[in-house]
Structure formats: C-alpha cells, structure tokens
C-alpha cells in the first residue's frame, strides 16, 4: 500500500497517482516549451510562473511557508532554476532538482517538507539529513534554511 494508506491494487495512493499525473503533465509542458524554441529567459520565466501558480493553489498554512521559502531560495541562490516537480515547487541546478517544498496537504501529512536531492552539496561525513519537517518559520528557522540552501547550491 502507498503512503497514506488506501492504495489501489497498484500499491499507490490516490495522492501518489495524482503526483505522477502532475509529473507527466510537467514533462509534456516542458516538451512544448522546447518545441517553441523559447529563449532561456522566457523558459525560466514560464517555469517560475508555474511554481508561483502551484504555491498560490496551496492551503494558507502551506502557501505561507512556500512563498517564504521561494523568496529565500531566490535571494540566496539566484542561479537555481524554479520549476515544478511532481506538482511541487522545486529548484534545479543544471537541470536536476536540488531542493523542493512538499506541502503538508500534498500527501495529507502533518507537516510540510523541505527536501534535498543528491545534487545538493550537503555531505557531512557518513550520514546527513536530506529532508526537514517544516511547520513554521521563525528567524532562526529562516537562517537555517538560508544556510542549507546556500550550502546545497554550492
């Protein structure tokens, strides 16, 4: 059974299947952008609009966190490329997703998640965290996120 229970015979929950459909739609949208031969700046602007639209669709608690996270990433790592990834706001480096924001509502979790993929330069010895539960933003939390994103972006 998939995360969140209630999965169909394929083992995926309704939320997981929805995320896979969103990812397929994102790939089709990216193909259309490439076919239109847009300039890099135009592609980037469209991708960021997609991210901002996804953020705007979120319930208030998640939206506030995602908006602030988006601003932090844009301020401290402007070279990262905003894009959607499985229907979530994400930020890529050289075309690969480096970090993402998973709203609590996305999979009916009790907290949102700030996650980092293997592109992130967060290595710290033999083991290090790659996902963080996020339930609110204080100046201390924002400083920690700022440090993580800065280090991850290398």
N, C-alpha and C. Protein backbone atom coordinates (compact mmCIF):
# COMPACT_ATOMS: atom_id res chain seq x y z
N UNK A 1 0.83 -1.17 0.00
CA UNK A 1 0.00 0.00 0.00
C UNK A 1 0.88 1.24 0.00
N UNK A 2 0.49 2.28 -0.69
CA UNK A 2 1.27 3.51 -0.78
C UNK A 2 1.20 4.33 0.49
N UNK A 3 1.97 5.38 0.55
CA UNK A 3 1.96 6.30 1.69
C UNK A 3 0.56 6.84 1.86
N UNK A 4 0.15 6.93 3.10
CA UNK A 4 -1.16 7.49 3.37
C UNK A 4 -2.26 6.44 3.35
N UNK A 5 -1.95 5.19 3.00
CA UNK A 5 -2.92 4.11 3.01
C UNK A 5 -3.96 4.27 1.92
N UNK A 6 -4.87 3.34 1.87
CA UNK A 6 -5.97 3.40 0.93
C UNK A 6 -5.55 3.22 -0.51
N UNK A 7 -4.40 2.61 -0.74
CA UNK A 7 -3.90 2.46 -2.11
C UNK A 7 -4.70 1.46 -2.91
N UNK A 8 -4.68 1.61 -4.19
CA UNK A 8 -5.34 0.66 -5.08
C UNK A 8 -4.44 -0.57 -5.24
N UNK A 9 -4.85 -1.46 -6.11
CA UNK A 9 -4.07 -2.68 -6.30
C UNK A 9 -2.66 -2.40 -6.77
N UNK A 10 -2.43 -1.26 -7.42
CA UNK A 10 -1.08 -0.95 -7.91
C UNK A 10 -0.16 -0.52 -6.77
N UNK A 11 -0.68 -0.37 -5.57
CA UNK A 11 0.14 -0.01 -4.43
C UNK A 11 0.34 1.48 -4.24
N UNK A 12 -0.23 2.31 -5.08
CA UNK A 12 -0.07 3.75 -4.95
C UNK A 12 -1.35 4.37 -4.40
N UNK A 13 -1.18 5.35 -3.54
CA UNK A 13 -2.34 6.07 -3.02
C UNK A 13 -2.87 7.01 -4.10
N UNK A 14 -4.06 7.53 -3.89
CA UNK A 14 -4.63 8.49 -4.83
C UNK A 14 -3.73 9.71 -4.96
N UNK A 15 -3.12 10.15 -3.84
CA UNK A 15 -2.22 11.31 -3.86
C UNK A 15 -0.96 11.01 -4.67
N UNK A 16 -0.44 9.80 -4.54
CA UNK A 16 0.76 9.42 -5.31
C UNK A 16 0.44 9.35 -6.80
N UNK A 17 -0.71 8.77 -7.14
CA UNK A 17 -1.10 8.72 -8.56
C UNK A 17 -1.30 10.12 -9.11
N UNK A 18 -1.87 11.02 -8.32
CA UNK A 18 -2.06 12.41 -8.76
C UNK A 18 -0.71 13.08 -9.00
N UNK A 19 0.26 12.83 -8.13
CA UNK A 19 1.60 13.41 -8.29
C UNK A 19 2.25 12.88 -9.57
N UNK A 20 2.06 11.61 -9.87
CA UNK A 20 2.63 11.05 -11.11
C UNK A 20 1.97 11.68 -12.34
N UNK A 21 0.65 11.90 -12.27
CA UNK A 21 -0.02 12.58 -13.39
C UNK A 21 0.50 14.01 -13.54
N UNK A 22 0.72 14.69 -12.42
CA UNK A 22 1.26 16.05 -12.49
C UNK A 22 2.65 16.05 -13.13
N UNK A 23 3.46 15.07 -12.77
CA UNK A 23 4.81 15.00 -13.34
C UNK A 23 4.75 14.75 -14.85
N UNK A 24 3.85 13.88 -15.28
CA UNK A 24 3.70 13.64 -16.72
C UNK A 24 3.27 14.92 -17.42
N UNK A 25 2.36 15.68 -16.83
CA UNK A 25 1.92 16.95 -17.42
C UNK A 25 3.07 17.95 -17.46
N UNK A 26 3.91 17.96 -16.42
CA UNK A 26 5.08 18.85 -16.41
C UNK A 26 6.03 18.52 -17.55
N UNK A 27 6.25 17.23 -17.78
CA UNK A 27 7.13 16.81 -18.87
C UNK A 27 6.57 17.23 -20.22
N UNK A 28 5.25 17.07 -20.41
CA UNK A 28 4.63 17.50 -21.66
C UNK A 28 4.76 19.01 -21.84
N UNK A 29 4.55 19.77 -20.78
CA UNK A 29 4.67 21.22 -20.84
C UNK A 29 6.10 21.62 -21.20
N UNK A 30 7.08 20.95 -20.61
CA UNK A 30 8.49 21.24 -20.91
C UNK A 30 8.80 20.92 -22.38
N UNK A 31 8.26 19.82 -22.88
CA UNK A 31 8.44 19.48 -24.30
C UNK A 31 7.88 20.56 -25.20
N UNK A 32 6.68 21.06 -24.86
CA UNK A 32 6.07 22.13 -25.66
C UNK A 32 6.91 23.39 -25.62
N UNK A 33 7.46 23.71 -24.44
CA UNK A 33 8.34 24.89 -24.33
C UNK A 33 9.56 24.72 -25.23
N UNK A 34 10.15 23.54 -25.20
CA UNK A 34 11.33 23.29 -26.03
C UNK A 34 10.98 23.34 -27.51
N UNK A 35 9.82 22.84 -27.87
CA UNK A 35 9.40 22.85 -29.27
C UNK A 35 9.18 24.28 -29.77
N UNK A 36 8.77 25.17 -28.87
CA UNK A 36 8.54 26.56 -29.25
C UNK A 36 9.85 27.34 -29.37
N UNK A 37 10.94 26.70 -29.00
CA UNK A 37 12.27 27.31 -29.10
C UNK A 37 12.33 28.68 -28.43
N UNK A 38 11.83 28.72 -27.21
CA UNK A 38 11.89 29.97 -26.45
C UNK A 38 13.32 30.26 -26.02
N UNK A 39 13.60 31.51 -25.78
CA UNK A 39 14.89 31.88 -25.22
C UNK A 39 14.94 31.37 -23.79
N UNK A 40 16.14 31.17 -23.28
CA UNK A 40 16.31 30.63 -21.93
C UNK A 40 15.57 31.48 -20.90
N UNK A 41 15.64 32.79 -21.03
CA UNK A 41 14.98 33.67 -20.06
C UNK A 41 13.47 33.51 -20.10
N UNK A 42 12.92 33.28 -21.29
CA UNK A 42 11.47 33.08 -21.42
C UNK A 42 11.05 31.75 -20.80
N UNK A 43 11.85 30.71 -21.02
CA UNK A 43 11.57 29.41 -20.42
C UNK A 43 11.61 29.51 -18.89
N UNK A 44 12.63 30.21 -18.39
CA UNK A 44 12.79 30.37 -16.94
C UNK A 44 11.60 31.14 -16.36
N UNK A 45 11.17 32.18 -17.04
CA UNK A 45 10.04 32.97 -16.55
C UNK A 45 8.76 32.13 -16.53
N UNK A 46 8.54 31.34 -17.56
CA UNK A 46 7.36 30.47 -17.59
C UNK A 46 7.42 29.42 -16.48
N UNK A 47 8.59 28.84 -16.27
CA UNK A 47 8.75 27.83 -15.22
C UNK A 47 8.50 28.44 -13.85
N UNK A 48 9.00 29.65 -13.63
CA UNK A 48 8.76 30.30 -12.34
C UNK A 48 7.28 30.63 -12.16
N UNK A 49 6.61 31.02 -13.22
CA UNK A 49 5.15 31.26 -13.14
C UNK A 49 4.43 29.98 -12.72
N UNK A 50 4.87 28.84 -13.27
CA UNK A 50 4.27 27.56 -12.88
C UNK A 50 4.44 27.32 -11.39
N UNK A 51 5.63 27.61 -10.87
CA UNK A 51 5.90 27.43 -9.44
C UNK A 51 4.98 28.34 -8.63
N UNK A 52 4.91 29.59 -9.01
CA UNK A 52 4.08 30.55 -8.26
C UNK A 52 2.60 30.17 -8.33
N UNK A 53 2.15 29.61 -9.44
CA UNK A 53 0.76 29.14 -9.54
C UNK A 53 0.52 27.98 -8.59
N UNK A 54 1.46 27.04 -8.53
CA UNK A 54 1.32 25.90 -7.60
C UNK A 54 1.27 26.39 -6.16
N UNK A 55 2.13 27.35 -5.84
CA UNK A 55 2.14 27.91 -4.48
C UNK A 55 0.80 28.57 -4.18
N UNK A 56 0.27 29.33 -5.12
CA UNK A 56 -0.99 30.04 -4.92
C UNK A 56 -2.16 29.08 -4.69
N UNK A 57 -2.08 27.86 -5.22
CA UNK A 57 -3.14 26.86 -5.07
C UNK A 57 -3.14 26.20 -3.69
N UNK A 58 -2.07 26.36 -2.93
CA UNK A 58 -1.93 25.66 -1.65
C UNK A 58 -2.85 26.25 -0.58
N UNK A 59 -3.22 25.41 0.39
CA UNK A 59 -3.94 25.93 1.56
C UNK A 59 -3.07 26.97 2.27
N UNK A 60 -3.69 27.88 2.99
CA UNK A 60 -2.99 29.01 3.58
C UNK A 60 -1.71 28.66 4.34
N UNK A 61 -1.76 27.67 5.23
CA UNK A 61 -0.57 27.33 6.03
C UNK A 61 0.61 26.94 5.14
N UNK A 62 0.35 26.08 4.17
CA UNK A 62 1.40 25.64 3.25
C UNK A 62 1.85 26.78 2.34
N UNK A 63 0.89 27.57 1.87
CA UNK A 63 1.20 28.67 0.95
C UNK A 63 2.15 29.68 1.59
N UNK A 64 1.91 30.04 2.83
CA UNK A 64 2.77 31.00 3.53
C UNK A 64 4.20 30.46 3.61
N UNK A 65 4.35 29.20 3.96
CA UNK A 65 5.68 28.58 4.04
C UNK A 65 6.35 28.56 2.67
N UNK A 66 5.60 28.14 1.65
CA UNK A 66 6.15 28.01 0.30
C UNK A 66 6.55 29.37 -0.27
N UNK A 67 5.73 30.39 -0.03
CA UNK A 67 6.08 31.73 -0.52
C UNK A 67 7.38 32.22 0.10
N UNK A 68 7.52 32.02 1.39
CA UNK A 68 8.74 32.48 2.06
C UNK A 68 9.94 31.66 1.61
N UNK A 69 9.78 30.37 1.48
CA UNK A 69 10.88 29.52 1.01
C UNK A 69 11.30 29.95 -0.40
N UNK A 70 10.33 30.23 -1.26
CA UNK A 70 10.64 30.67 -2.62
C UNK A 70 11.48 31.94 -2.57
N UNK A 71 11.11 32.87 -1.72
CA UNK A 71 11.86 34.13 -1.62
C UNK A 71 13.29 33.87 -1.12
N UNK A 72 13.43 33.00 -0.13
CA UNK A 72 14.76 32.68 0.40
C UNK A 72 15.63 32.08 -0.69
N UNK A 73 15.10 31.11 -1.42
CA UNK A 73 15.88 30.46 -2.48
C UNK A 73 16.28 31.48 -3.54
N UNK A 74 15.34 32.32 -3.96
CA UNK A 74 15.65 33.33 -4.98
C UNK A 74 16.71 34.31 -4.49
N UNK A 75 16.69 34.65 -3.19
CA UNK A 75 17.66 35.61 -2.64
C UNK A 75 19.05 35.01 -2.48
N UNK A 76 19.13 33.78 -1.95
CA UNK A 76 20.46 33.23 -1.61
C UNK A 76 21.06 32.36 -2.70
N UNK A 77 20.23 31.87 -3.62
CA UNK A 77 20.74 31.01 -4.69
C UNK A 77 20.04 31.36 -5.99
N UNK A 78 20.24 32.58 -6.49
CA UNK A 78 19.54 33.01 -7.71
C UNK A 78 19.87 32.17 -8.94
N UNK A 79 20.95 31.41 -8.89
CA UNK A 79 21.31 30.57 -10.03
C UNK A 79 20.42 29.32 -10.12
N UNK A 80 19.72 28.98 -9.04
CA UNK A 80 18.83 27.82 -9.09
C UNK A 80 17.61 28.16 -9.95
N UNK A 81 17.15 27.18 -10.69
CA UNK A 81 16.04 27.35 -11.63
C UNK A 81 14.75 26.87 -11.00
N UNK A 82 13.79 27.78 -10.73
CA UNK A 82 12.49 27.33 -10.21
C UNK A 82 11.79 26.48 -11.26
N UNK A 83 11.12 25.43 -10.81
CA UNK A 83 10.33 24.57 -11.69
C UNK A 83 9.39 23.75 -10.82
N UNK A 84 8.41 23.14 -11.42
CA UNK A 84 7.58 22.22 -10.66
C UNK A 84 8.13 20.82 -10.83
N UNK A 85 7.91 20.02 -9.82
CA UNK A 85 8.41 18.64 -9.81
C UNK A 85 7.38 17.79 -9.08
N UNK A 86 6.72 16.92 -9.80
CA UNK A 86 5.62 16.14 -9.24
C UNK A 86 4.57 17.05 -8.60
N UNK A 87 4.37 18.22 -9.20
CA UNK A 87 3.38 19.16 -8.71
C UNK A 87 3.83 19.98 -7.52
N UNK A 88 5.11 19.92 -7.19
CA UNK A 88 5.64 20.67 -6.05
C UNK A 88 6.60 21.75 -6.54
N UNK A 89 6.69 22.86 -5.81
CA UNK A 89 7.73 23.84 -6.13
C UNK A 89 9.10 23.21 -5.90
N UNK A 90 9.97 23.40 -6.88
CA UNK A 90 11.31 22.82 -6.78
C UNK A 90 12.31 23.80 -7.40
N UNK A 91 13.57 23.55 -7.13
CA UNK A 91 14.64 24.43 -7.59
C UNK A 91 15.76 23.54 -8.10
N UNK A 92 16.15 23.77 -9.36
CA UNK A 92 17.10 22.88 -10.03
C UNK A 92 18.45 23.55 -10.25
N UNK A 93 19.45 22.70 -10.32
CA UNK A 93 20.81 23.13 -10.65
C UNK A 93 21.24 22.28 -11.84
N UNK A 94 21.60 22.94 -12.92
CA UNK A 94 22.00 22.24 -14.14
C UNK A 94 20.93 21.23 -14.59
N UNK A 95 19.68 21.62 -14.46
CA UNK A 95 18.58 20.79 -14.92
C UNK A 95 18.13 19.69 -13.97
N UNK A 96 18.81 19.52 -12.84
CA UNK A 96 18.45 18.47 -11.87
C UNK A 96 17.91 19.11 -10.60
N UNK A 97 16.80 18.57 -10.09
CA UNK A 97 16.18 19.13 -8.90
C UNK A 97 17.12 19.00 -7.71
N UNK A 98 17.43 20.14 -7.11
CA UNK A 98 18.31 20.22 -5.96
C UNK A 98 17.50 20.19 -4.67
N UNK A 99 16.44 21.03 -4.61
CA UNK A 99 15.58 21.04 -3.42
C UNK A 99 14.14 21.26 -3.84
N UNK A 100 13.22 20.92 -2.93
CA UNK A 100 11.79 21.03 -3.22
C UNK A 100 11.03 21.28 -1.94
N UNK A 101 9.83 21.81 -2.11
CA UNK A 101 8.92 22.02 -1.00
C UNK A 101 7.71 21.13 -1.21
N UNK A 102 7.47 20.26 -0.25
CA UNK A 102 6.29 19.39 -0.31
C UNK A 102 5.30 19.88 0.72
N UNK A 103 4.19 20.42 0.26
CA UNK A 103 3.15 20.92 1.17
C UNK A 103 2.61 19.77 2.01
N UNK A 104 2.23 20.06 3.24
CA UNK A 104 1.64 19.04 4.10
C UNK A 104 0.39 18.46 3.44
N UNK A 105 -0.36 19.32 2.78
CA UNK A 105 -1.60 18.91 2.13
C UNK A 105 -1.37 17.94 0.97
N UNK A 106 -0.19 17.97 0.38
CA UNK A 106 0.11 17.17 -0.82
C UNK A 106 -0.18 15.68 -0.59
N UNK A 107 0.29 15.14 0.53
CA UNK A 107 0.08 13.73 0.85
C UNK A 107 -0.62 13.56 2.19
N UNK A 108 -1.35 14.61 2.58
CA UNK A 108 -2.14 14.59 3.82
C UNK A 108 -1.24 14.31 5.04
N UNK A 109 -0.06 14.92 5.06
CA UNK A 109 0.88 14.75 6.16
C UNK A 109 0.62 15.80 7.24
N UNK A 110 1.21 15.62 8.40
CA UNK A 110 1.01 16.59 9.47
C UNK A 110 1.99 17.75 9.42
N UNK A 111 2.95 17.70 8.49
CA UNK A 111 3.91 18.79 8.32
C UNK A 111 4.36 18.87 6.87
N UNK A 112 4.78 20.06 6.48
CA UNK A 112 5.38 20.26 5.15
C UNK A 112 6.81 19.76 5.21
N UNK A 113 7.41 19.57 4.05
CA UNK A 113 8.77 19.07 3.98
C UNK A 113 9.62 19.93 3.06
N UNK A 114 10.80 20.28 3.53
CA UNK A 114 11.84 20.87 2.69
C UNK A 114 12.81 19.73 2.43
N UNK A 115 12.90 19.33 1.17
CA UNK A 115 13.74 18.19 0.83
C UNK A 115 14.86 18.56 -0.12
N UNK A 116 15.93 17.79 -0.06
CA UNK A 116 17.10 17.98 -0.92
C UNK A 116 17.42 16.67 -1.61
N UNK A 117 17.74 16.74 -2.88
CA UNK A 117 18.14 15.56 -3.64
C UNK A 117 19.66 15.45 -3.67
N UNK A 118 20.17 14.40 -4.30
CA UNK A 118 21.61 14.12 -4.25
C UNK A 118 22.46 15.17 -4.97
N UNK A 119 21.87 16.06 -5.73
CA UNK A 119 22.61 17.16 -6.36
C UNK A 119 23.09 18.16 -5.31
N UNK A 120 22.39 18.20 -4.19
CA UNK A 120 22.71 19.15 -3.12
C UNK A 120 24.04 18.81 -2.47
N UNK A 121 24.84 19.82 -2.24
CA UNK A 121 26.15 19.64 -1.61
C UNK A 121 26.02 19.75 -0.10
N UNK A 122 25.33 18.81 0.50
CA UNK A 122 25.13 18.83 1.95
C UNK A 122 25.92 17.74 2.67
N UNK A 123 26.78 17.05 1.95
CA UNK A 123 27.53 15.93 2.53
C UNK A 123 28.20 16.35 3.82
N UNK A 124 28.05 15.48 4.83
CA UNK A 124 28.63 15.74 6.14
C UNK A 124 29.00 14.41 6.78
N UNK A 125 30.17 13.89 6.43
CA UNK A 125 30.62 12.62 6.99
C UNK A 125 29.92 11.44 6.33
N UNK A 126 29.58 10.47 7.15
CA UNK A 126 28.98 9.23 6.65
C UNK A 126 27.47 9.31 6.52
N UNK A 127 26.85 10.33 7.16
CA UNK A 127 25.39 10.41 7.15
C UNK A 127 24.97 11.85 7.38
N UNK A 128 23.92 12.31 6.65
CA UNK A 128 23.41 13.66 6.83
C UNK A 128 21.93 13.69 6.45
N UNK A 129 21.18 14.63 7.00
CA UNK A 129 19.76 14.71 6.66
C UNK A 129 19.56 15.30 5.26
N UNK A 130 18.50 14.85 4.60
CA UNK A 130 18.16 15.38 3.28
C UNK A 130 16.72 15.88 3.23
N UNK A 131 15.97 15.73 4.31
CA UNK A 131 14.60 16.23 4.37
C UNK A 131 14.33 16.77 5.76
N UNK A 132 13.56 17.85 5.79
CA UNK A 132 13.30 18.54 7.05
C UNK A 132 11.81 18.82 7.17
N UNK A 133 11.22 18.45 8.30
CA UNK A 133 9.84 18.80 8.59
C UNK A 133 9.77 20.30 8.82
N UNK A 134 8.74 20.92 8.27
CA UNK A 134 8.62 22.37 8.37
C UNK A 134 7.18 22.70 8.77
N UNK A 135 7.04 23.28 9.97
CA UNK A 135 5.70 23.62 10.46
C UNK A 135 5.53 25.12 10.68
N UNK A 136 6.60 25.85 10.62
CA UNK A 136 6.53 27.30 10.79
C UNK A 136 7.86 27.93 10.47
N UNK A 137 7.86 29.24 10.36
CA UNK A 137 9.10 29.96 10.05
C UNK A 137 9.35 31.03 11.10
N UNK A 138 10.44 30.84 11.81
CA UNK A 138 10.92 31.86 12.74
C UNK A 138 12.20 32.42 12.13
N UNK A 139 12.73 33.50 12.66
CA UNK A 139 14.01 33.99 12.14
C UNK A 139 15.10 32.92 12.21
N UNK A 140 15.09 32.09 13.25
CA UNK A 140 16.09 31.03 13.38
C UNK A 140 15.91 29.97 12.30
N UNK A 141 14.65 29.60 12.04
CA UNK A 141 14.37 28.61 11.00
C UNK A 141 14.78 29.15 9.64
N UNK A 142 14.46 30.41 9.38
CA UNK A 142 14.83 31.02 8.10
C UNK A 142 16.34 31.06 7.94
N UNK A 143 17.06 31.34 9.02
CA UNK A 143 18.53 31.36 8.95
C UNK A 143 19.06 29.96 8.64
N UNK A 144 18.46 28.94 9.24
CA UNK A 144 18.89 27.57 8.97
C UNK A 144 18.61 27.17 7.52
N UNK A 145 17.43 27.54 7.03
CA UNK A 145 17.09 27.27 5.62
C UNK A 145 18.06 28.00 4.69
N UNK A 146 18.34 29.25 5.01
CA UNK A 146 19.28 30.03 4.21
C UNK A 146 20.64 29.34 4.14
N UNK A 147 21.11 28.86 5.28
CA UNK A 147 22.40 28.14 5.31
C UNK A 147 22.32 26.86 4.48
N UNK A 148 21.26 26.07 4.65
CA UNK A 148 21.12 24.82 3.92
C UNK A 148 21.09 25.04 2.40
N UNK A 149 20.28 26.01 1.97
CA UNK A 149 20.15 26.27 0.54
C UNK A 149 21.48 26.78 -0.02
N UNK A 150 22.14 27.66 0.72
CA UNK A 150 23.43 28.20 0.28
C UNK A 150 24.44 27.07 0.11
N UNK A 151 24.54 26.20 1.13
CA UNK A 151 25.49 25.07 1.06
C UNK A 151 25.09 24.10 -0.05
N UNK A 152 23.79 23.80 -0.14
CA UNK A 152 23.32 22.82 -1.13
C UNK A 152 23.60 23.27 -2.56
N UNK A 153 23.45 24.57 -2.80
CA UNK A 153 23.66 25.10 -4.14
C UNK A 153 25.13 25.16 -4.50
N UNK A 154 25.97 25.05 -3.48
CA UNK A 154 27.42 25.02 -3.69
C UNK A 154 27.94 26.28 -4.27
